[in-house]
Structures are given as structure tokens and as C-alpha cells.
């Protein structure tokens, strides 16, 4: 047996089609053909045409050597993996067919192409939203998947039979196959042992859900059992609002307890140093021994991480390569590899990235989050689920019982995927003992408007329908501004019932920091509003994003490219020289429980509306002078920057 092993290795290299001169030429052509077919999605990935237009030239010109090197590394990785795969397949086919008398050389090529088509069928089945799957869907259909599965099974059986030259070798192959099956069952079906947390101070968990509006939760709560269960166990704040409906400013507001004008997070992707230098809840928690972790499964609009003060970050690597790497690695092999944890180092911009929706693993991200927690320390975890952000694309999800259609149906389906993640996370925390004594805050960063008519209002004496798309663009929209906010308190593994399970007073994301610090200090889990009225403001608004139904990605890139730059470390950020222009275009207002007043620089006037008990606009009013003066002072703070 010891003499046979070297012989087998020599046979592999000597007989391999890579080293046999008679086959090298045909093999090279075949490999190049297959690799070319594998990287078709790089050119079919619907790169916005404006990315190479003159309007985007200033953005592209700022790309550093690090960014270019990252692009090259991802292309090289894809080419290497696919070339290796096809070389191995071609070698196996050669070993299988070499004893066939008078074999036609093209048979080798046909078998390898068959293996390639089989792998495409797998990709089409598991990653149906991949650009690659789209490109081969005309050739392969889901109904033909069984054919390729069965075909390769027969091919592998024949290869095993051919390679096992003796009865003992065949027995060894059978034993290895059986051992592999047993190992697979043990790994996937048998629960693994887990360490249980034992800490003195209670844990704090913030579970963020992107774009979940209070109105959508009211309408579809039966479709979201995990989130609904949490909200029903604790205190649910029915009139909770975001102060700026964008992800990064919302999270900075949560952690600092300050308005954007004070914390520096005026817009998404503003350079981190303007927000990370100020005081936030992380500093006080670290002094008390907490491990702080931030988990986010999409970083395109939020570069927050270790530089903000977190000890650890779970999620894709932030930067412009988040935008550029996805179409490059979108191949069947890459998508399959992304289901394994080791690829986090090979494809850091794609692993655990909702933007790479074709390969994103919803359950895998949650498992990575749970693995980051420290069982020997108190934990502060802020996790944010992004699948529910527009364009609501996901390879997960299934049939829904809701009556939603079109864009709304995609939105609900995405929320259901996130709901499953929330359920998995809470179950994992409970199983590991992290909820023995803990505070859980469930919230959304902003709402989401999908073009539905919210109210029939009067604007300057003319009747208009209040309808909009997105978030952070219209201060009067309840769908955009009202969020979900719930607080659940665990003591000795049991949920402590709050004095009131449905709280009607107005609160906001500004109040979360004080809640956390008060809970850690005294154990009090009651969220108290800092003020009866709050300032609210809009984010960056581009005309191309005004309507989701006919959104043009190329036009969106064209309009927005001039506002951004790429830093030397590859991060995408707003240009500070454009900040004054952007700040002057903000709508800024004051929202109280029964009224809202705001100033529109575009219209050069103030608007005021009374609100119903559930926060919807009731009637147009004259803005009061006190509120006008407050808004002017807030705007002057921006003007002074």
C-alpha cells in the first residue's frame, strides 16, 4: 500500500491532461472557454451606464491603489477558482474515458461541458437571483435540474469505479463514502455543544430592522411572528419616530442620543471622523467591562465599525468595493463558496452582504453574529438587518398569506426573511444563556413609503394626495417617519411585564441611549421621552429616486456620483466641499404629538398640519411663531458649520 500511494500521485501528474502534450492544447482551449462562460456575469451585471459617464469621472478618479488592487484580487480569485474546477473535472473525465477504444477527442470536451452545465443547474436552483443564473436560464430551466443532478451522479459513480482498480480499493472508496455520509449527518443534524454565558452585569441587545415602518407593522404583524412576539412581551411604543430617516444618521442618533446637527451624522456616508469623536453609549459601557459588537449585513450606506468605538464588527467589509465586487464574484462556484465561513477572508466585501442577495445566507449571518458574543463578559450588541431595505431582493422567503401585490409584496417577503432572522437570533441568545438577564430593544431606523396614498390634504388651499416613496424625503409622511420601537426586560430568564404594554406617548430614537445607560446603572427598563416635541429633518434627496416603480439606476448614479469620493483606504464618503449645498436643501421641522411644522427651502415657506391621534395629517394650519423661531435656530446651527 505504501508503494501504491506514490504511484497514484505520479499517475495524477503524468496522466493529467495538463501535462500531456497531446491534450494540453485542447484542454487550454476548453478551460478558457469555460472560464469565459463563468465570468459572463461580470459584463452582464447591469453596471449602471453612468458609472463611466463624465458625471462620475470625479468619483472614479479618486479610486486609490488599494481599491484597484481589491478589484484585481477578486477577478483573479474568480478566474483561479473556475480554472481549477474545470481542470479537475477535465482530469476526472480523462481518467474515466481513457480506456474507451477509438474514442473521439471531442467526447472529453462534451463531458466537461456537461459538468459545467450541471453546476449551472445547481446555481440556478440555489441562487436563482444570481446574474449568472439569469444568463443561463434560457439554456437551463428548473424543470431540467434533476437531469443534471442525475447525470453527474452517474458520471461520478463511473469515475469511482474506474479509479478503484481492485476490489480492496473499491471497498475503501465505499467506506470513505459511508464515512462522509455519517460525518455529514453528525455535522448537520446533531446539535453541537455550546458554552453558556455566565456574567454579572446584564446584557444589552439592540435589534434593528431596516425600513420597517410602524404602519407596515400594524398592517402585516401577523406575517411577522417573531417580531410580533417580542413586541407583545414587552413595552411597545406606538408613536415612535426617527429624527432623520436614513440608516447611518439613525444609528448615530441611537448611540449618541443627539440630533444630527450635534453628532455630525448629517447624511449617509459622511466621513466617520465627524461622528466618532463625540460621546456615545459605547464609552460608558466599555468602562463597565462590556464587549461591544456591531453587526450589519450591508455596509453601502453605513461605514460604522471599530473606528466608531466597537470592539468587533460582523458583516461585509465596507468601501467602494462593496459596490464593485458583487458582479465580479457572482458565479456558481463563488456563490457556493460564500456559504462557508472561510470565504470571509477571500471575499470580504461579499460575505454576509445583503447587496450580494444572490448568495447571501440569512441564517449564516445570524450564526456569525452569535459566534462573536463573549460568554465570559457582558455584551452590548447592536445588530441591523438590511434585507428589508429597497430593492427588497432576497433568495430566501416563500409564499405569504398577505394580500400585498407588486412592490409591496416584495417588501413583505423581505420583512418575513428578517423576521426569521430575528427569531433565530433570539432563540440563539436564549439557548446560550445571554437572555438570563438582559435588555432587548427592537427598533427600526426609519419607515418606508411605497407610493400608497396616506391622506388627502390641503396644500395652500389646493387638495392633494399625500403619497411618496422611500424614506427621509418627506417629513409629513407617517409611513416614512414612524418606526417600530419595543423594550423587553429579562430577569432570571423570564420576561418582566411592563406597567403598560402599549405606550401612546411620543418617543424617538433620541431616547434609546438614556434607556440603556439607565438600565445598566439601575435596572430600570422604562424608556422616557426627553422632550414632548422633536426636531426632524430630511436626508440627501435625488430626483431619480422619487419613484421606485420607474427608478433608473444609471440616472441615479449620474445624479449622485458628484457628491461622493473614495478615500485612500477605499471607503466611500461624501465630499465635504459639497456639504453646505446639501445642508441648505434640507427640510427641517418640529414634530409634536398633535402637530408638525417644517420649513421647505425648495418652496421657501413654512408648512404646518394638525395630526390625528395616530399621527396622520389632519388639516393644514398656520405655523406658530415660537416653532418657526426654533426651526430657524436649528437651521442656523447648520449654517454656522
Foldseek 3Di string as FASTA:
>chain_A
DVVVVVVVVVCLVCVQLCNDVVRVVVLVVLLVVLLVLQLVLLVVVCDQPLCPPPLQVQFVVQDAPLNVVVQVLLLVVSSVVSSVVLSVLLRLLCLLCVPPPPDDVCVSSVSSVLLSVLLLLVLCVQQVPFSSVVVCCVVDPVVCNVVSVVVVVVSVVSSQVSVQPDPVSNVVVVVVVVVVVVVVCCVPPPDDDAAAFDEDFAAEEEEAEAAAFLVNCVVCVVLQVLVVVQLQLFAWELFAWAQFQDDAQLVLLLFALDHCLPQVCQFFFAPCVSRLVDDTLLVVVVVVFAQEEEEELAPARPQDAVSSPHPYYAYAHFFPVLVSSLSSQRGSVSLVCLVDPVCCVSHRSQRSHCVSQSRHDLQVSLVVVLVPDDSHTHYYYYYYYDCLPPPLDHSDFDDDPDPDDDSVVSNSRSSSSVSVSSNSNVVSCLVSNSLQWYKYKYKYSWHFFQFDFQDFAADPNRTDTDGWGGEQPDPQDSRTIHMIITMWGHHRRDTDYDPHSYHQQYAYSSQNSVQVVCCSVPVDNDGDHPDQKDKHKGHADDPLRGHPVPRRPNVVCSRPSNQWHADNVRHIHGDPVCQLVRLLQMWMWMDGQFKIKIAGSVVRDIWMFTADSSGHGDYTDDDDPVRVVVRVVSSVSSVVD
